[in-house]
Protein backbone atom coordinates (compact mmCIF):
# COMPACT_ATOMS: atom_id res chain seq x y z
CA MET A 1 2.33 13.75 4.97
CA PRO A 2 1.46 15.03 8.34
CA PRO A 3 1.94 12.28 11.00
CA SER A 4 -1.04 10.30 11.66
CA SER A 5 -2.97 8.94 14.76
CA LEU A 6 -2.80 5.39 12.96
CA ASP A 7 -1.74 2.67 15.64
CA ARG A 8 -1.30 -0.07 13.03
CA VAL A 9 -1.49 -0.81 9.41
CA ILE A 10 -1.90 -4.52 8.35
CA ILE A 11 -0.72 -5.43 5.01
CA LEU A 12 -2.05 -8.72 3.76
CA ALA A 13 0.44 -10.64 2.02
CA ALA A 14 -0.82 -14.28 1.97
CA GLY A 15 -1.76 -16.10 -1.03
CA LEU A 16 -0.24 -18.41 -3.77
CA GLY A 17 -1.36 -16.10 -6.46
CA LEU A 18 -2.38 -19.16 -8.59
CA ARG A 19 -4.72 -16.67 -11.15
CA LEU A 20 -1.61 -15.11 -11.94
CA GLY A 21 -0.10 -17.97 -13.78
CA ALA A 22 3.26 -17.79 -14.71
CA LEU A 23 4.22 -14.63 -12.97
CA THR A 24 3.95 -16.60 -9.40
CA SER A 25 5.24 -20.00 -10.66
CA ASP A 26 8.68 -18.65 -8.79
CA ARG A 27 7.79 -16.49 -6.17
CA PRO A 28 4.65 -15.54 -4.15
CA LYS A 29 2.58 -12.94 -5.46
CA ALA A 30 3.87 -10.54 -2.91
CA LEU A 31 7.11 -10.33 -4.64
CA ILE A 32 6.05 -10.03 -8.28
CA HIS A 33 7.76 -6.82 -9.59
CA VAL A 34 5.27 -3.86 -11.02
CA ALA A 35 7.62 -1.16 -12.34
CA GLY A 36 10.61 -1.73 -10.36
CA GLN A 37 9.07 -2.56 -7.15
CA THR A 38 7.63 -5.82 -5.45
CA LEU A 39 4.28 -5.37 -4.23
CA LEU A 40 5.17 -5.84 -1.05
CA GLU A 41 7.69 -2.92 -1.25
CA ARG A 42 4.83 -0.95 -2.55
CA GLY A 43 2.69 -1.86 0.34
CA LEU A 44 5.34 -1.05 2.85
CA GLY A 45 6.30 2.01 1.25
CA PHE A 46 2.52 3.54 1.55
CA ALA A 47 1.97 2.28 4.56
CA SER A 48 5.24 4.07 6.02
CA SER A 49 4.06 7.16 4.36
CA LEU A 50 1.18 7.06 6.81
CA ALA A 51 3.45 6.95 9.96
CA PRO A 52 1.59 4.19 11.88
CA ARG A 53 3.49 2.83 15.25
CA GLU A 54 3.32 -0.71 13.62
CA ILE A 55 3.16 -2.26 10.18
CA VAL A 56 2.22 -5.94 10.16
CA VAL A 57 2.62 -7.69 7.12
CA VAL A 58 0.55 -11.16 7.27
CA ALA A 59 2.12 -13.69 5.27
CA GLY A 60 0.84 -17.27 4.15
CA GLY A 61 2.09 -20.29 5.01
CA GLY A 62 5.62 -21.21 4.24
CA ALA A 63 6.44 -17.61 4.11
CA THR A 64 9.63 -16.53 5.73
CA LEU A 65 10.04 -12.56 6.34
CA PRO A 66 12.34 -10.66 8.74
CA ARG A 67 10.48 -10.00 12.00
CA SER A 68 11.14 -6.94 14.31
CA PRO A 69 11.57 -7.49 18.15
């Protein structure tokens, strides 16, 4: 895909996923595996393909995600 003029992509990864039942009993919904990748990995892969300057992940309370400087 050609480079884009996107400044920022925001991925909404917050929420407990209570409606997903047993799938989220031990992990947040962003970390559920679908076809070998987590939902978050899928979102990050797609966002990266858009070549934005910045990718921001909005995580819910209690989340610990790596943060770039």
